[in-house]
């Protein structure tokens, strides 16, 4: 569906057409994205015959008051020869509660020599060939004007991943990229720049001329890719132009880690994982010691080909379960490497026992202090969109000194590990046997990426899933003690405790299969 077809089809299907003049972000039903094509594409002169942009906004990302949204904004980039058709069906943004953006390229993206280009790749002043940096920047400006203020992420595979690396390499005011998920393509070693415009650098930089901020990177590549060589060098996608050379995959990751200030840039931690691609083994390279909210990770699919991004790792799809899990960790903060213990501040004196009537959880305006008070043990750590916690804004609900009758203080969960794939560590002050009422899963909890990811689902793979969050930022290791707390798992039969074994099933006598 291209520009000439947008208006009548949108009208026939009842799809909201939101132009760049919109002042308030509105949501749409799943698989019925809004169309930004007219506002974005009508005035472009950079050789775009197939320009189209779709915006997919879940209702959870729109305030009832019509204010700004802090939901992450995720760009989905197709590969060469592909299009944006189908992203609205398979991206899962409504379950993940992120805002999806689906731009269409010109038979792919202008990240290297293309037979359809009228100018040479080193003609930076060219205005007749697609200027991808300016194109994506203009879309960001448009969605920002509508109220989508969350961090910007890019997910791409193959040629789409090449553009993801390019956009991240030019991150800054025009392209405020927070993180990328790049499948089956690495950074270019050369040339330094290619294509029209100014947002056309192929590697990140900190120099007097330009400074690229830190960008989190999750990369997945097959070591036996016949199109994009894992060990770098030339590729047939460049049409024989030897000016275009790819970095070796691990050099590309080390480049990003070094640029991002990760102290473990040259000594990544490695671990083995299962995959349904290649030889069945994926080697993870995790670059440690990164700044807060910065993660640099790479999965080498041993023996995998150019379709490695379509596979699974440890039973979950790279696109998009792993992609959203990565984005969730970047949003939550922390960084590669072991966490640093923070000093515990002394309790502040109570100065007021009046709840803030304006406070509400950052994911739902109905989550007021009154709502927190219904379950303070679980909800007093929630935050609003400004980062103010409920236990600060809602003293009547959360502070026992403000209540007329004794209320139990919130139960601290076991400390979490620095990696979402490490087993939760039991609290050193916990008694050997937890009280029965504390070993009860929250039946209403579900991971924010999928409503089917309940505590029972977490229990099937607690080592990986106990750091998952729901839409209010509550982690599974708080809501699902039967799945995540060793004290609860050891206090009786898993089956009689309604906890799944690793296999997901139990025998009649209560033992794991």
Protein backbone atom coordinates (compact mmCIF):
# COMPACT_ATOMS: atom_id res chain seq x y z
CA UNK A 1 0.00 0.00 0.00
CA UNK A 2 1.69 3.19 -1.14
CA UNK A 3 0.88 6.89 -1.06
CA UNK A 4 -1.77 6.91 -3.79
CA UNK A 5 -3.75 4.20 -1.99
CA UNK A 6 -3.57 5.47 1.57
CA UNK A 7 -6.53 7.81 1.82
CA UNK A 8 -9.30 5.65 0.29
CA UNK A 9 -8.21 2.46 2.04
CA UNK A 10 -7.94 4.21 5.41
CA UNK A 11 -11.43 5.60 4.92
CA UNK A 12 -12.91 2.25 3.91
CA UNK A 13 -11.40 0.42 6.88
CA UNK A 14 -12.08 3.15 9.40
CA UNK A 15 -8.41 3.58 10.24
CA UNK A 16 -7.51 6.87 11.85
CA UNK A 17 -5.30 8.99 9.63
CA UNK A 18 -3.09 11.13 11.86
CA UNK A 19 -1.06 13.82 10.18
CA UNK A 20 1.88 15.76 11.51
CA UNK A 21 -0.57 18.45 12.62
CA UNK A 22 -2.08 16.21 15.29
CA UNK A 23 -1.64 17.61 18.77
CA UNK A 24 -2.64 14.62 20.89
CA UNK A 25 -1.62 11.00 20.68
CA UNK A 26 -4.52 8.62 20.10
CA UNK A 27 -4.63 4.85 20.24
CA UNK A 28 -5.79 2.36 17.64
CA UNK A 29 -7.07 -1.20 17.70
CA UNK A 30 -4.59 -4.04 17.18
CA UNK A 31 -3.79 -4.68 13.50
CA UNK A 32 -5.34 -1.32 12.55
CA UNK A 33 -2.39 1.10 12.57
CA UNK A 34 -2.73 4.80 11.93
CA UNK A 35 -1.26 6.18 8.73
CA UNK A 36 1.26 9.03 8.82
CA UNK A 37 2.11 8.83 5.14
CA UNK A 38 0.61 12.08 3.96
CA UNK A 39 2.24 14.19 6.65
CA UNK A 40 5.65 12.53 6.34
CA UNK A 41 5.94 11.69 2.66
CA UNK A 42 4.08 14.36 0.72
CA UNK A 43 6.87 16.95 0.72
CA UNK A 44 9.89 14.64 0.48
CA UNK A 45 12.00 14.98 -2.66
CA UNK A 46 14.61 12.28 -1.99
CA UNK A 47 13.47 9.76 -4.58
CA UNK A 48 10.79 8.01 -2.53
CA UNK A 49 8.17 6.35 -4.74
CA UNK A 50 7.12 3.85 -2.07
CA UNK A 51 7.08 6.08 1.00
CA UNK A 52 4.67 4.96 3.70
CA UNK A 53 4.68 5.22 7.51
CA UNK A 54 2.35 3.49 9.95
CA UNK A 55 1.94 4.28 13.65
CA UNK A 56 0.64 1.61 16.05
CA UNK A 57 -0.42 2.94 19.47
CA UNK A 58 -1.80 0.62 22.18
CA UNK A 59 -4.52 2.02 24.41
CA UNK A 60 -2.26 1.42 27.42
CA UNK A 61 0.12 4.06 26.04
CA UNK A 62 -2.46 6.85 25.85
CA UNK A 63 -3.55 8.84 28.86
CA UNK A 64 -7.27 9.39 29.32
CA UNK A 65 -6.43 13.06 29.75
CA UNK A 66 -4.74 13.13 26.37
CA UNK A 67 -1.30 13.92 27.76
CA UNK A 68 2.12 12.77 26.64
CA UNK A 69 3.05 9.08 26.59
CA UNK A 70 6.24 7.69 28.11
CA UNK A 71 5.89 4.30 26.39
CA UNK A 72 8.99 3.26 24.42
CA UNK A 73 8.74 4.08 20.71
CA UNK A 74 10.03 1.17 18.61
CA UNK A 75 10.86 1.42 14.89
CA UNK A 76 10.57 -1.83 12.93
CA UNK A 77 12.77 -1.96 9.82
CA UNK A 78 12.25 -4.54 7.09
CA UNK A 79 15.03 -6.11 5.03
CA UNK A 80 16.02 -5.56 1.41
CA UNK A 81 13.20 -6.42 -0.96
CA UNK A 82 10.71 -6.35 1.92
CA UNK A 83 8.12 -3.85 3.03
CA UNK A 84 6.32 -2.69 6.15
CA UNK A 85 3.31 -4.88 5.36
CA UNK A 86 2.62 -7.28 8.21
CA UNK A 87 4.40 -5.54 11.08
CA UNK A 88 1.07 -4.53 12.59
CA UNK A 89 0.06 -8.22 12.71
CA UNK A 90 3.25 -9.68 14.11
CA UNK A 91 5.08 -6.97 16.09
CA UNK A 92 3.09 -7.56 19.29
CA UNK A 93 3.28 -3.92 20.36
CA UNK A 94 -0.16 -4.01 21.97
CA UNK A 95 0.82 -6.89 24.24
CA UNK A 96 4.23 -5.33 24.90
CA UNK A 97 2.69 -1.90 25.53
CA UNK A 98 5.12 -0.03 23.32
CA UNK A 99 4.40 2.31 20.43
CA UNK A 100 5.28 0.79 17.05
CA UNK A 101 6.45 2.71 13.98
CA UNK A 102 6.55 0.92 10.61
CA UNK A 103 8.31 2.92 7.88
CA UNK A 104 8.61 1.60 4.33
CA UNK A 105 11.90 1.76 2.45
CA UNK A 106 12.61 1.90 -1.26
CA UNK A 107 13.09 -1.82 -1.95
CA UNK A 108 15.21 -1.82 1.17
CA UNK A 109 17.31 0.91 2.74
CA UNK A 110 20.00 3.12 1.24
CA UNK A 111 22.91 1.91 3.39
CA UNK A 112 25.28 1.00 0.55
CA UNK A 113 25.60 0.97 -3.25
CA UNK A 114 22.20 0.50 -4.93
CA UNK A 115 21.50 0.12 -8.63
CA UNK A 116 18.43 2.36 -8.25
CA UNK A 117 20.49 5.32 -6.96
CA UNK A 118 21.19 8.19 -9.29
CA UNK A 119 24.19 9.50 -7.35
CA UNK A 120 27.42 7.92 -6.19
CA UNK A 121 27.52 6.74 -2.57
CA UNK A 122 30.06 9.48 -1.75
CA UNK A 123 27.89 12.31 -3.13
CA UNK A 124 26.69 13.54 0.25
CA UNK A 125 24.96 16.58 -1.30
CA UNK A 126 22.72 14.39 -3.47
CA UNK A 127 19.01 15.13 -3.08
CA UNK A 128 17.54 12.60 -5.51
CA UNK A 129 18.42 9.41 -3.58
CA UNK A 130 16.82 8.29 -0.29
CA UNK A 131 18.26 10.09 2.74
CA UNK A 132 17.46 7.53 5.41
CA UNK A 133 18.74 9.51 8.40
CA UNK A 134 16.60 12.53 7.55
CA UNK A 135 13.61 10.27 6.79
CA UNK A 136 13.67 8.57 10.20
CA UNK A 137 14.42 11.87 11.95
CA UNK A 138 11.34 13.45 10.37
CA UNK A 139 9.18 10.55 11.62
CA UNK A 140 10.56 10.96 15.14
CA UNK A 141 9.73 14.67 15.01
CA UNK A 142 6.18 13.85 13.93
CA UNK A 143 5.43 11.26 16.63
CA UNK A 144 7.06 13.50 19.26
CA UNK A 145 4.71 16.31 18.22
CA UNK A 146 1.78 13.99 18.87
CA UNK A 147 2.96 13.27 22.41
CA UNK A 148 5.02 10.07 22.06
CA UNK A 149 7.85 11.10 24.38
CA UNK A 150 9.29 7.69 25.32
CA UNK A 151 12.77 6.45 24.46
CA UNK A 152 13.42 5.53 20.82
CA UNK A 153 14.45 1.99 19.84
CA UNK A 154 15.10 0.36 16.48
CA UNK A 155 14.63 -3.31 15.56
CA UNK A 156 15.93 -4.48 12.20
CA UNK A 157 17.04 -7.60 10.37
CA UNK A 158 19.55 -7.83 7.51
CA UNK A 159 19.33 -4.56 5.54
CA UNK A 160 17.06 -3.25 8.30
CA UNK A 161 19.77 -4.05 10.84
CA UNK A 162 22.30 -2.21 8.67
CA UNK A 163 20.09 0.88 8.94
CA UNK A 164 19.68 0.30 12.69
CA UNK A 165 23.48 0.42 13.10
CA UNK A 166 23.60 3.50 10.85
CA UNK A 167 20.92 5.33 12.84
CA UNK A 168 22.61 4.45 16.14
CA UNK A 169 25.95 5.65 14.76
CA UNK A 170 24.32 9.03 14.09
CA UNK A 171 22.40 9.20 17.36
CA UNK A 172 21.92 12.63 18.88
CA UNK A 173 19.34 15.38 18.89
CA UNK A 174 17.89 14.45 15.49
CA UNK A 175 18.06 10.70 16.13
CA UNK A 176 17.70 10.15 19.90
CA UNK A 177 18.25 6.40 19.66
CA UNK A 178 18.32 4.64 23.04
CA UNK A 179 18.94 1.10 21.82
CA UNK A 180 18.90 -1.21 18.80
CA UNK A 181 18.23 -4.88 18.15
CA UNK A 182 20.18 -5.87 15.05
CA UNK A 183 19.91 -9.31 13.45
CA UNK A 184 22.41 -10.71 10.93
CA UNK A 185 24.39 -7.54 10.20
CA UNK A 186 27.27 -5.77 11.92
CA UNK A 187 28.93 -2.35 11.63
CA UNK A 188 30.76 -1.34 8.47
CA UNK A 189 34.52 -0.91 8.80
CA UNK A 190 34.49 1.38 5.76
CA UNK A 191 33.63 3.79 4.34
CA UNK A 192 33.27 6.36 7.09
CA UNK A 193 30.22 7.90 5.39
CA UNK A 194 27.91 6.88 2.57
CA UNK A 195 24.72 8.22 1.03
CA UNK A 196 23.02 11.62 1.04
CA UNK A 197 22.78 14.08 3.88
CA UNK A 198 24.58 14.58 7.16
CA UNK A 199 23.20 11.66 9.20
CA UNK A 200 25.17 9.19 7.11
CA UNK A 201 28.13 8.07 9.24
CA UNK A 202 28.74 4.34 9.44
CA UNK A 203 30.41 4.17 12.85
CA UNK A 204 29.72 5.97 16.15
CA UNK A 205 32.20 8.66 17.14
CA UNK A 206 33.34 10.90 19.94
CA UNK A 207 35.24 13.71 18.29
CA UNK A 208 35.28 17.47 17.89
CA UNK A 209 33.20 17.09 14.73
CA UNK A 210 30.45 14.92 16.21
CA UNK A 211 29.68 13.03 19.41
CA UNK A 212 27.49 9.95 19.41
CA UNK A 213 25.88 9.16 22.78
CA UNK A 214 25.97 5.64 24.21
CA UNK A 215 23.48 3.26 22.56
CA UNK A 216 22.52 -0.19 23.87
CA UNK A 217 23.01 -2.95 21.30
CA UNK A 218 21.63 -6.49 21.09
CA UNK A 219 23.07 -8.37 18.12
CA UNK A 220 22.25 -11.83 16.75
CA UNK A 221 24.28 -13.30 13.88
CA UNK A 222 24.91 -16.69 12.31
CA UNK A 223 28.53 -17.78 12.14
CA UNK A 224 27.94 -19.52 8.79
CA UNK A 225 26.01 -16.70 7.10
CA UNK A 226 26.72 -16.94 3.38
CA UNK A 227 25.50 -13.42 2.60
CA UNK A 228 26.85 -11.31 5.47
CA UNK A 229 30.14 -12.91 6.55
CA UNK A 230 30.47 -13.27 10.32
CA UNK A 231 34.21 -12.66 10.06
CA UNK A 232 33.70 -9.46 8.10
CA UNK A 233 35.04 -8.30 4.76
CA UNK A 234 33.16 -7.76 1.53
CA UNK A 235 29.68 -8.97 0.64
CA UNK A 236 27.72 -9.48 -2.55
CA UNK A 237 25.12 -7.00 -1.25
CA UNK A 238 27.59 -4.23 -2.10
CA UNK A 239 27.63 -5.13 -5.80
CA UNK A 240 31.38 -5.64 -5.93
CA UNK A 241 32.25 -2.22 -4.53
CA UNK A 242 35.33 -2.96 -2.41
CA UNK A 243 35.04 0.39 -0.61
CA UNK A 244 32.39 -1.29 1.55
CA UNK A 245 33.92 -3.65 4.09
CA UNK A 246 32.20 -5.17 7.12
CA UNK A 247 33.85 -5.44 10.52
CA UNK A 248 34.16 -8.95 11.96
CA UNK A 249 31.10 -9.45 14.16
CA UNK A 250 33.02 -9.50 17.43
CA UNK A 251 35.05 -6.46 16.39
CA UNK A 252 31.78 -4.66 15.73
CA UNK A 253 30.56 -5.50 19.22
CA UNK A 254 33.86 -4.49 20.82
CA UNK A 255 33.63 -1.20 18.88
CA UNK A 256 30.19 -0.52 20.35
CA UNK A 257 31.26 -1.59 23.85
CA UNK A 258 34.35 0.62 23.75
CA UNK A 259 32.35 3.55 22.41
CA UNK A 260 29.74 3.06 25.14
CA UNK A 261 32.37 3.12 27.89
CA UNK A 262 32.03 -0.54 28.95
CA UNK A 263 35.10 -1.56 30.96
CA UNK A 264 34.77 -5.16 29.74
CA UNK A 265 34.87 -4.21 26.06
CA UNK A 266 37.84 -6.48 25.34
CA UNK A 267 36.93 -9.29 27.74
CA UNK A 268 33.27 -10.20 27.23
CA UNK A 269 31.72 -12.85 29.45
CA UNK A 270 30.56 -15.87 27.45
CA UNK A 271 27.86 -18.46 28.04
CA UNK A 272 26.23 -21.23 26.00
CA UNK A 273 22.52 -21.26 25.13
CA UNK A 274 20.18 -23.48 23.18
CA UNK A 275 18.81 -22.46 19.79
CA UNK A 276 16.78 -24.04 17.00
CA UNK A 277 19.19 -22.72 14.37
CA UNK A 278 22.56 -23.94 13.10
CA UNK A 279 24.20 -26.56 15.31
CA UNK A 280 21.77 -25.90 18.16
CA UNK A 281 24.18 -23.78 20.21
CA UNK A 282 24.25 -20.00 20.63
CA UNK A 283 27.25 -18.39 22.30
CA UNK A 284 26.39 -15.23 24.19
CA UNK A 285 28.97 -12.45 24.51
CA UNK A 286 28.10 -10.00 27.27
CA UNK A 287 30.17 -6.83 27.55
CA UNK A 288 30.33 -5.91 31.22
CA UNK A 289 31.02 -2.74 33.17
CA UNK A 290 28.78 -0.54 31.01
CA UNK A 291 27.26 2.71 32.27
CA UNK A 292 23.79 2.72 33.78
CA UNK A 293 21.03 1.70 31.31
CA UNK A 294 23.58 0.60 28.70
CA UNK A 295 23.79 -3.03 27.58
CA UNK A 296 25.95 -4.52 24.82
CA UNK A 297 25.20 -8.18 24.03
CA UNK A 298 25.81 -10.51 21.12
CA UNK A 299 24.57 -14.00 20.30
CA UNK A 300 26.63 -16.01 17.82
CA UNK A 301 24.39 -18.71 16.37
CA UNK A 302 26.95 -21.44 15.75
CA UNK A 303 26.57 -22.75 12.19
CA UNK A 304 23.62 -20.42 11.63
CA UNK A 305 22.85 -18.76 8.31
CA UNK A 306 21.26 -15.49 7.24
CA UNK A 307 17.93 -16.54 8.76
CA UNK A 308 19.35 -16.74 12.29
CA UNK A 309 17.32 -13.74 13.46
CA UNK A 310 14.13 -15.73 12.84
CA UNK A 311 15.08 -18.42 15.34
CA UNK A 312 14.72 -19.08 19.03
CA UNK A 313 17.19 -18.81 21.90
CA UNK A 314 16.42 -20.79 25.05
CA UNK A 315 12.94 -21.49 23.74
CA UNK A 316 11.91 -17.88 22.99
CA UNK A 317 11.84 -16.11 19.64
CA UNK A 318 14.48 -13.51 18.94
CA UNK A 319 11.79 -11.51 17.17
CA UNK A 320 10.23 -10.31 19.31
CA UNK A 321 10.34 -11.91 22.77
CA UNK A 322 14.09 -11.41 23.20
CA UNK A 323 13.92 -7.98 21.58
CA UNK A 324 11.29 -6.76 24.05
CA UNK A 325 13.09 -8.35 26.99
CA UNK A 326 16.21 -6.39 26.00
CA UNK A 327 14.26 -3.14 25.67
CA UNK A 328 12.66 -3.79 29.05
CA UNK A 329 16.08 -4.11 30.70
CA UNK A 330 17.34 -0.92 29.09
CA UNK A 331 14.22 0.88 30.30
CA UNK A 332 14.64 -0.52 33.82
CA UNK A 333 18.22 0.72 34.11
CA UNK A 334 21.32 -1.01 35.37
CA UNK A 335 24.16 -1.99 33.09
CA UNK A 336 26.42 -4.79 32.06
CA UNK A 337 28.39 -6.37 34.87
CA UNK A 338 27.81 -6.92 38.57
CA UNK A 339 25.63 -4.36 40.33
CA UNK A 340 27.18 -2.00 42.85
CA UNK A 341 25.56 -2.00 46.26
CA UNK A 342 24.04 1.34 47.15
CA UNK A 343 24.21 2.65 50.71
CA UNK A 344 20.89 2.37 52.51
CA UNK A 345 19.57 5.77 53.46
CA UNK A 346 18.28 6.30 56.96
CA UNK A 347 14.48 6.55 57.18
CA UNK A 348 13.27 10.09 56.65
CA UNK A 349 11.12 11.59 59.36
CA UNK A 350 7.43 11.61 58.55
CA UNK A 351 6.46 15.15 57.67
CA UNK A 352 2.97 14.46 56.31
CA UNK A 353 0.48 11.61 56.37
CA UNK A 354 -1.62 12.91 53.50
CA UNK A 355 -1.57 11.06 50.18
CA UNK A 356 -0.79 13.05 47.04
CA UNK A 357 -4.13 13.10 45.15
CA UNK A 358 -2.32 13.79 41.86
CA UNK A 359 -0.07 10.72 42.02
CA UNK A 360 -0.75 7.76 39.69
CA UNK A 361 1.32 4.82 38.46
CA UNK A 362 3.20 5.53 35.27
CA UNK A 363 1.41 2.83 33.30
CA UNK A 364 -2.18 3.49 34.36
CA UNK A 365 -3.81 6.69 35.61
CA UNK A 366 -6.28 4.60 37.63
CA UNK A 367 -3.42 3.37 39.82
CA UNK A 368 -3.81 6.10 42.43
CA UNK A 369 -2.81 6.02 46.09
CA UNK A 370 -6.20 4.50 46.89
CA UNK A 371 -5.41 1.68 44.48
CA UNK A 372 -1.97 1.22 46.04
CA UNK A 373 -3.60 0.95 49.47
CA UNK A 374 -5.52 -2.13 48.35
CA UNK A 375 -2.25 -4.07 48.14
CA UNK A 376 0.56 -2.02 49.68
CA UNK A 377 2.95 -4.97 50.00
CA UNK A 378 3.11 -5.19 46.23
CA UNK A 379 2.36 -1.67 45.04
CA UNK A 380 4.26 0.72 47.31
CA UNK A 381 7.37 0.46 45.08
CA UNK A 382 5.51 1.51 41.95
CA UNK A 383 6.53 4.78 40.32
CA UNK A 384 4.76 7.57 38.50
CA UNK A 385 5.94 8.95 35.16
CA UNK A 386 8.30 11.31 37.01
CA UNK A 387 9.96 8.53 38.98
CA UNK A 388 8.24 9.34 42.30
CA UNK A 389 7.57 6.12 44.19
CA UNK A 390 4.25 5.34 45.82
CA UNK A 391 5.93 4.89 49.18
CA UNK A 392 6.83 8.59 49.01
CA UNK A 393 3.60 9.96 47.52
CA UNK A 394 1.18 7.69 49.38
CA UNK A 395 2.15 7.64 53.08
CA UNK A 396 -1.35 6.67 54.19
CA UNK A 397 -1.08 3.55 52.06
CA UNK A 398 2.59 2.73 52.55
CA UNK A 399 3.93 4.10 55.83
CA UNK A 400 2.91 2.18 58.94
CA UNK A 401 3.49 5.31 61.09
CA UNK A 402 0.64 7.00 59.23
CA UNK A 403 -1.96 4.29 59.79
CA UNK A 404 -4.31 4.08 62.72
CA UNK A 405 -3.73 0.36 63.13
CA UNK A 406 -0.54 -1.64 62.63
CA UNK A 407 0.11 -2.56 59.01
CA UNK A 408 2.83 -4.94 57.97
CA UNK A 409 5.68 -3.30 56.15
CA UNK A 410 6.09 -4.37 52.54
CA UNK A 411 7.94 -7.65 52.29
CA UNK A 412 11.26 -7.21 50.56
CA UNK A 413 11.82 -9.65 47.68
CA UNK A 414 15.01 -11.60 47.45
CA UNK A 415 17.72 -9.48 45.81
CA UNK A 416 17.87 -9.96 42.07
CA UNK A 417 21.00 -10.81 40.18
CA UNK A 418 22.56 -8.49 37.65
CA UNK A 419 21.56 -10.77 34.79
CA UNK A 420 17.97 -11.70 33.92
CA UNK A 421 19.24 -15.16 33.06
CA UNK A 422 20.75 -15.90 36.48
CA UNK A 423 18.80 -17.61 39.24
CA UNK A 424 17.35 -15.25 41.84
CA UNK A 425 19.41 -15.18 45.02
CA UNK A 426 17.65 -15.90 48.30
CA UNK A 427 17.60 -13.11 50.87
CA UNK A 428 20.33 -13.67 53.46
CA UNK A 429 17.93 -12.71 56.26
CA UNK A 430 15.11 -15.04 55.21
CA UNK A 431 14.21 -17.88 57.53
CA UNK A 432 14.61 -21.42 56.19
CA UNK A 433 10.85 -21.86 55.87
CA UNK A 434 8.78 -18.95 54.64
CA UNK A 435 5.41 -18.25 56.30
CA UNK A 436 2.61 -19.87 54.34
CA UNK A 437 0.88 -16.59 53.46
CA UNK A 438 4.06 -15.20 51.89
CA UNK A 439 4.40 -18.18 49.54
CA UNK A 440 1.35 -17.28 47.49
CA UNK A 441 1.59 -16.17 43.88
CA UNK A 442 -0.35 -13.13 42.71
CA UNK A 443 -2.94 -14.66 40.38
CA UNK A 444 -3.43 -11.30 38.62
CA UNK A 445 0.23 -10.79 37.68
CA UNK A 446 1.30 -11.18 34.04
CA UNK A 447 4.41 -10.09 32.17
CA UNK A 448 4.00 -6.83 30.31
CA UNK A 449 5.00 -8.39 26.98
CA UNK A 450 2.31 -11.09 27.02
CA UNK A 451 -0.76 -11.62 29.22
CA UNK A 452 -0.13 -15.37 29.06
CA UNK A 453 3.16 -14.90 30.94
CA UNK A 454 1.66 -15.54 34.37
CA UNK A 455 3.44 -16.78 37.49
CA UNK A 456 2.85 -20.34 36.28
CA UNK A 457 4.67 -19.48 33.04
CA UNK A 458 7.52 -17.87 35.00
CA UNK A 459 7.84 -21.04 37.06
CA UNK A 460 8.68 -23.09 34.01
CA UNK A 461 11.97 -21.22 33.61
CA UNK A 462 12.58 -19.15 36.77
CA UNK A 463 16.28 -18.64 36.10
CA UNK A 464 15.40 -16.54 33.08
CA UNK A 465 11.96 -15.16 33.85
CA UNK A 466 11.97 -14.07 37.50
CA UNK A 467 13.28 -10.61 36.53
CA UNK A 468 10.44 -10.00 34.08
CA UNK A 469 8.07 -7.12 34.89
CA UNK A 470 4.37 -6.49 34.49
CA UNK A 471 2.96 -3.31 32.99
CA UNK A 472 3.32 -1.51 36.33
CA UNK A 473 6.99 -2.36 36.75
CA UNK A 474 6.40 -5.08 39.35
CA UNK A 475 8.89 -7.91 38.91
CA UNK A 476 8.00 -11.58 38.90
CA UNK A 477 10.38 -12.18 41.79
CA UNK A 478 8.02 -10.08 43.92
CA UNK A 479 4.68 -11.29 42.60
CA UNK A 480 5.58 -14.96 42.09
CA UNK A 481 7.35 -16.22 45.22
CA UNK A 482 6.42 -19.84 44.49
CA UNK A 483 8.24 -19.57 41.19
CA UNK A 484 11.16 -17.41 42.26
CA UNK A 485 11.95 -17.77 45.96
CA UNK A 486 14.01 -20.77 46.98
CA UNK A 487 12.45 -20.68 50.44
CA UNK A 488 8.99 -21.15 48.95
CA UNK A 489 10.07 -23.75 46.41
CA UNK A 490 11.70 -25.81 49.17
CA UNK A 491 8.81 -25.61 51.63
CA UNK A 492 6.70 -28.39 50.12
CA UNK A 493 5.77 -30.32 47.04
CA UNK A 494 5.87 -28.13 43.94
CA UNK A 495 2.59 -29.59 42.75
CA UNK A 496 0.75 -29.10 46.02
CA UNK A 497 2.06 -25.54 45.99
CA UNK A 498 0.65 -24.98 42.47
CA UNK A 499 4.10 -24.35 41.04
CA UNK A 500 5.20 -25.84 37.73
CA UNK A 501 8.30 -27.94 37.47
CA UNK A 502 10.86 -27.11 34.79
CA UNK A 503 8.97 -29.47 32.45
CA UNK A 504 5.73 -27.65 33.14
CA UNK A 505 3.99 -30.76 34.48
CA UNK A 506 3.77 -32.73 37.71
CA UNK A 507 3.13 -36.36 38.57
CA UNK A 508 0.11 -37.44 40.58
CA UNK A 509 2.29 -37.93 43.67
CA UNK A 510 3.50 -34.34 43.53
CA UNK A 511 6.95 -34.97 42.08
CA UNK A 512 8.33 -33.33 38.96
CA UNK A 513 8.32 -35.23 35.70
